[in-house]
């Protein structure tokens, strides 16, 4: 099996999933690919949207003690919940994380799908998941979380792709080096923080205005910036030169 490692999916948390589904499709011109009934076992409902060949998932708590609901309470609704990496060796990467003091929170093992979720307190900013779907070596091949027909939902005429995520911290270099150790990737320090380059979606680390560490921004490459901003304003979302405040994060638009 060829070795691969991709930042494939970001998970956000929201209270009103029906509104998010409608607004996500209307503003960003993406399609709903899948809703997974199996997440009910975690007290959640979800919706998955392809942005190019990567994904944004939104989960919403339907039970009072759901971990995602507790995350919303702690964060005040600010920040992304999870960064999900497709890789050829999730179990080995989970063992490496454990060896450097990052605990495993959950493991998932379905037919043809294997995932290791790391403890969010040890990861800082957001939970990290390593997973693999049988056959996903082909990036257009099977991808278990997105359902069996996800390719049919891909649309790139308005939003082209998820290009980058931004982790904000009072000490971006420190968390950047921490994530680099977990991910086994080089950290490139810069004047404003630094970055980790992985396939599909890069990770940038920047100084944030709040004390807590957050997955704060999704950078999306778009084909119709004006139309996206206009629709977001019409639906009562805050729009500035920095981006659109949506679902607890900032969607930064880039051409």
Protein backbone atom coordinates (compact mmCIF):
# COMPACT_ATOMS: atom_id res chain seq x y z
CA UNK A 1 0.00 0.00 0.00
CA UNK A 2 1.32 3.46 -0.90
CA UNK A 3 1.88 5.82 2.02
CA UNK A 4 -0.40 8.88 2.11
CA UNK A 5 -1.44 11.54 4.60
CA UNK A 6 -4.15 14.13 3.86
CA UNK A 7 -6.10 16.69 5.84
CA UNK A 8 -9.42 15.64 4.33
CA UNK A 9 -12.19 16.86 6.62
CA UNK A 10 -13.03 19.53 9.17
CA UNK A 11 -15.84 19.09 11.69
CA UNK A 12 -17.77 22.05 13.11
CA UNK A 13 -20.50 22.09 15.77
CA UNK A 14 -23.82 23.97 15.59
CA UNK A 15 -27.10 24.01 17.48
CA UNK A 16 -29.46 24.58 14.53
CA UNK A 17 -28.42 22.01 11.94
CA UNK A 18 -31.40 22.62 9.64
CA UNK A 19 -30.46 26.28 9.31
CA UNK A 20 -26.79 25.46 8.72
CA UNK A 21 -27.69 22.99 5.96
CA UNK A 22 -29.84 25.55 4.18
CA UNK A 23 -27.36 28.41 4.59
CA UNK A 24 -24.28 26.37 3.72
CA UNK A 25 -25.81 25.37 0.40
CA UNK A 26 -27.23 28.81 -0.39
CA UNK A 27 -24.16 30.88 0.53
CA UNK A 28 -21.27 28.68 -0.56
CA UNK A 29 -22.95 26.85 -3.44
CA UNK A 30 -22.11 23.37 -2.15
CA UNK A 31 -24.30 20.30 -1.95
CA UNK A 32 -25.28 18.16 0.99
CA UNK A 33 -23.56 14.82 0.34
CA UNK A 34 -24.58 12.69 3.30
CA UNK A 35 -26.17 12.48 6.73
CA UNK A 36 -24.95 9.50 8.75
CA UNK A 37 -27.54 7.89 11.02
CA UNK A 38 -24.74 6.12 12.92
CA UNK A 39 -23.64 9.33 14.67
CA UNK A 40 -26.80 9.09 16.79
CA UNK A 41 -24.89 6.69 19.04
CA UNK A 42 -22.76 9.70 20.04
CA UNK A 43 -25.82 11.87 20.69
CA UNK A 44 -25.42 13.75 17.41
CA UNK A 45 -26.87 14.39 13.99
CA UNK A 46 -24.66 15.52 11.14
CA UNK A 47 -24.36 16.86 7.61
CA UNK A 48 -21.39 16.50 5.26
CA UNK A 49 -20.54 18.88 2.41
CA UNK A 50 -17.78 18.38 -0.18
CA UNK A 51 -15.64 21.45 -0.87
CA UNK A 52 -13.77 20.14 -3.86
CA UNK A 53 -12.47 16.74 -2.75
CA UNK A 54 -12.23 17.69 0.93
CA UNK A 55 -15.16 18.01 3.33
CA UNK A 56 -16.77 20.18 5.94
CA UNK A 57 -18.94 18.25 8.38
CA UNK A 58 -21.32 19.94 10.78
CA UNK A 59 -22.54 18.02 13.83
CA UNK A 60 -25.32 19.05 16.17
CA UNK A 61 -26.00 17.59 19.63
CA UNK A 62 -29.38 15.92 20.10
CA UNK A 63 -28.63 14.66 23.61
CA UNK A 64 -27.73 16.84 26.58
CA UNK A 65 -24.53 14.96 27.47
CA UNK A 66 -23.05 14.78 23.96
CA UNK A 67 -19.35 15.69 23.87
CA UNK A 68 -19.95 18.11 21.02
CA UNK A 69 -22.52 19.94 23.13
CA UNK A 70 -20.02 20.28 25.96
CA UNK A 71 -17.53 21.66 23.46
CA UNK A 72 -20.02 24.36 22.44
CA UNK A 73 -20.57 25.31 26.07
CA UNK A 74 -16.85 25.56 26.80
CA UNK A 75 -16.00 27.49 23.65
CA UNK A 76 -18.96 29.84 23.66
CA UNK A 77 -19.68 28.63 20.14
CA UNK A 78 -16.25 29.68 18.81
CA UNK A 79 -13.93 27.36 16.95
CA UNK A 80 -13.87 24.16 14.95
CA UNK A 81 -14.28 20.78 16.63
CA UNK A 82 -12.13 18.29 14.75
CA UNK A 83 -9.43 17.95 12.06
CA UNK A 84 -9.63 14.61 10.28
CA UNK A 85 -6.63 13.15 8.45
CA UNK A 86 -6.89 10.28 5.97
CA UNK A 87 -3.77 8.15 6.12
CA UNK A 88 -2.46 4.72 5.26
CA UNK A 89 -1.60 3.89 8.89
CA UNK A 90 -4.04 5.31 11.49
CA UNK A 91 -3.27 2.67 14.12
CA UNK A 92 0.49 3.33 13.97
CA UNK A 93 -0.07 7.09 14.14
CA UNK A 94 -2.32 6.60 17.15
CA UNK A 95 0.42 4.60 18.91
CA UNK A 96 2.95 7.34 18.11
CA UNK A 97 0.62 9.96 19.61
CA UNK A 98 0.21 7.86 22.76
CA UNK A 99 3.99 7.53 23.05
CA UNK A 100 4.41 11.33 23.18
CA UNK A 101 1.67 11.73 25.80
CA UNK A 102 -1.43 12.30 23.63
CA UNK A 103 -4.22 10.00 24.72
CA UNK A 104 -6.67 8.14 22.52
CA UNK A 105 -10.27 9.25 23.08
CA UNK A 106 -12.06 6.79 20.78
CA UNK A 107 -11.38 4.12 18.19
CA UNK A 108 -13.82 3.24 15.42
CA UNK A 109 -13.72 0.00 13.47
CA UNK A 110 -16.40 -0.66 10.85
CA UNK A 111 -16.15 -2.94 7.84
CA UNK A 112 -13.53 -1.25 5.69
CA UNK A 113 -13.12 1.81 7.95
CA UNK A 114 -10.67 2.37 10.81
CA UNK A 115 -10.25 5.54 12.89
CA UNK A 116 -8.31 6.72 15.92
CA UNK A 117 -9.55 9.90 17.61
CA UNK A 118 -7.11 11.66 19.94
CA UNK A 119 -8.12 13.38 23.15
CA UNK A 120 -9.00 17.04 22.47
CA UNK A 121 -7.37 18.30 25.68
CA UNK A 122 -4.09 16.71 24.65
CA UNK A 123 -4.33 17.91 21.04
CA UNK A 124 -5.33 21.47 22.06
CA UNK A 125 -7.49 23.71 19.83
CA UNK A 126 -9.31 20.78 18.17
CA UNK A 127 -9.55 17.00 18.24
CA UNK A 128 -7.35 15.16 15.73
CA UNK A 129 -8.53 12.00 14.00
CA UNK A 130 -6.51 9.59 11.87
CA UNK A 131 -8.62 7.33 9.67
CA UNK A 132 -8.59 5.09 6.63
CA UNK A 133 -11.29 3.83 4.29
CA UNK A 134 -10.50 0.76 2.20
CA UNK A 135 -9.81 1.96 -1.35
CA UNK A 136 -9.27 5.64 -0.54
CA UNK A 137 -5.76 5.62 -1.97
CA UNK A 138 -7.60 7.01 -5.00
CA UNK A 139 -8.77 10.39 -3.70
CA UNK A 140 -11.94 10.00 -5.79
CA UNK A 141 -12.54 6.53 -4.42
CA UNK A 142 -14.53 5.36 -1.39
CA UNK A 143 -14.67 7.65 1.64
CA UNK A 144 -16.76 6.10 4.40
CA UNK A 145 -17.81 9.27 6.31
CA UNK A 146 -19.27 10.82 3.14
CA UNK A 147 -21.49 7.94 2.13
CA UNK A 148 -21.54 5.85 -1.04
CA UNK A 149 -22.37 8.58 -3.60
CA UNK A 150 -20.36 11.57 -2.39
CA UNK A 151 -18.79 12.28 -5.79
CA UNK A 152 -22.25 13.03 -7.19
CA UNK A 153 -22.50 15.94 -4.73
CA UNK A 154 -19.24 17.68 -5.72
CA UNK A 155 -19.82 21.15 -7.15
CA UNK A 156 -17.05 23.69 -7.78
CA UNK A 157 -18.64 26.54 -9.76
CA UNK A 158 -18.95 28.81 -6.68
CA UNK A 159 -16.69 27.28 -4.02
CA UNK A 160 -13.70 25.45 -5.48
CA UNK A 161 -11.98 23.81 -2.52
CA UNK A 162 -10.94 23.90 1.12
CA UNK A 163 -7.38 25.24 0.89
CA UNK A 164 -6.16 25.83 4.44
CA UNK A 165 -7.17 25.91 8.09
CA UNK A 166 -5.92 28.40 10.68
CA UNK A 167 -5.27 27.50 14.31
CA UNK A 168 -5.19 30.56 16.59
CA UNK A 169 -3.28 30.63 19.87
CA UNK A 170 -1.59 33.13 22.19
CA UNK A 171 1.57 31.14 21.36
CA UNK A 172 1.14 29.87 17.78
CA UNK A 173 4.68 28.54 17.53
CA UNK A 174 4.20 26.33 20.57
CA UNK A 175 0.99 24.69 19.37
CA UNK A 176 2.40 24.47 15.85
CA UNK A 177 5.36 22.46 17.08
CA UNK A 178 3.00 20.35 19.21
CA UNK A 179 0.84 19.47 16.21
CA UNK A 180 3.96 18.82 14.13
CA UNK A 181 5.07 16.21 16.68
CA UNK A 182 1.64 14.56 16.64
CA UNK A 183 1.41 14.60 12.84
CA UNK A 184 5.09 13.71 12.30
CA UNK A 185 5.45 16.60 9.88
CA UNK A 186 7.88 19.56 9.80
CA UNK A 187 6.81 22.85 11.33
CA UNK A 188 7.88 25.89 9.30
CA UNK A 189 8.13 28.84 11.70
CA UNK A 190 7.34 32.33 10.42
CA UNK A 191 7.08 35.87 11.70
CA UNK A 192 3.32 35.53 12.25
CA UNK A 193 3.31 31.96 13.55
CA UNK A 194 4.05 29.14 11.15
CA UNK A 195 2.58 26.31 9.11
CA UNK A 196 2.51 22.58 8.50
CA UNK A 197 2.11 21.42 4.92
CA UNK A 198 0.14 18.24 4.34
CA UNK A 199 -1.67 17.01 1.24
CA UNK A 200 -4.97 18.63 0.24
CA UNK A 201 -5.33 21.21 3.04
CA UNK A 202 -2.49 23.11 4.75
CA UNK A 203 -2.43 24.12 8.43
CA UNK A 204 -1.46 27.65 9.46
CA UNK A 205 -0.84 28.82 13.03
CA UNK A 206 -1.50 32.44 13.96
CA UNK A 207 -1.82 34.67 17.01
CA UNK A 208 -5.43 34.91 18.15
CA UNK A 209 -7.28 37.63 20.04
CA UNK A 210 -8.61 35.32 22.76
CA UNK A 211 -6.81 33.38 25.46
CA UNK A 212 -8.00 29.93 24.40
CA UNK A 213 -6.66 27.99 21.42
CA UNK A 214 -9.10 27.46 18.57
CA UNK A 215 -9.45 26.09 15.09
CA UNK A 216 -10.70 29.50 14.02
CA UNK A 217 -10.60 29.87 10.23
CA UNK A 218 -11.29 27.84 7.11
CA UNK A 219 -9.66 29.31 3.99
CA UNK A 220 -11.71 28.43 0.94
CA UNK A 221 -10.82 29.04 -2.69
CA UNK A 222 -13.85 30.47 -4.48
CA UNK A 223 -14.97 31.38 -7.99
CA UNK A 224 -17.71 33.88 -7.02
CA UNK A 225 -16.56 35.92 -4.04
CA UNK A 226 -19.06 38.72 -4.59
CA UNK A 227 -22.01 36.37 -4.83
CA UNK A 228 -20.98 34.51 -1.68
CA UNK A 229 -20.60 37.71 0.33
CA UNK A 230 -23.88 39.12 -0.94
CA UNK A 231 -25.82 35.97 -0.05
CA UNK A 232 -24.19 35.82 3.40
CA UNK A 233 -25.27 39.40 4.16
CA UNK A 234 -28.79 38.66 2.96
CA UNK A 235 -28.91 35.77 5.44
CA UNK A 236 -27.72 38.01 8.29
CA UNK A 237 -24.14 36.77 8.65
CA UNK A 238 -21.26 39.08 9.54
CA UNK A 239 -19.06 39.78 6.49
CA UNK A 240 -15.76 41.66 6.56
CA UNK A 241 -12.52 41.78 4.60
CA UNK A 242 -11.35 38.91 6.82
CA UNK A 243 -14.21 36.65 5.81
CA UNK A 244 -17.66 35.41 6.82
CA UNK A 245 -18.47 34.44 10.41
CA UNK A 246 -20.33 31.16 9.97
CA UNK A 247 -20.92 28.13 12.20
CA UNK A 248 -18.44 29.17 14.89
CA UNK A 249 -15.51 29.80 12.53
CA UNK A 250 -14.44 32.36 9.95
CA UNK A 251 -14.68 31.37 6.30
CA UNK A 252 -11.88 33.32 4.66
CA UNK A 253 -12.38 33.67 0.90
CA UNK A 254 -9.50 33.53 -1.55
CA UNK A 255 -9.59 33.68 -5.36
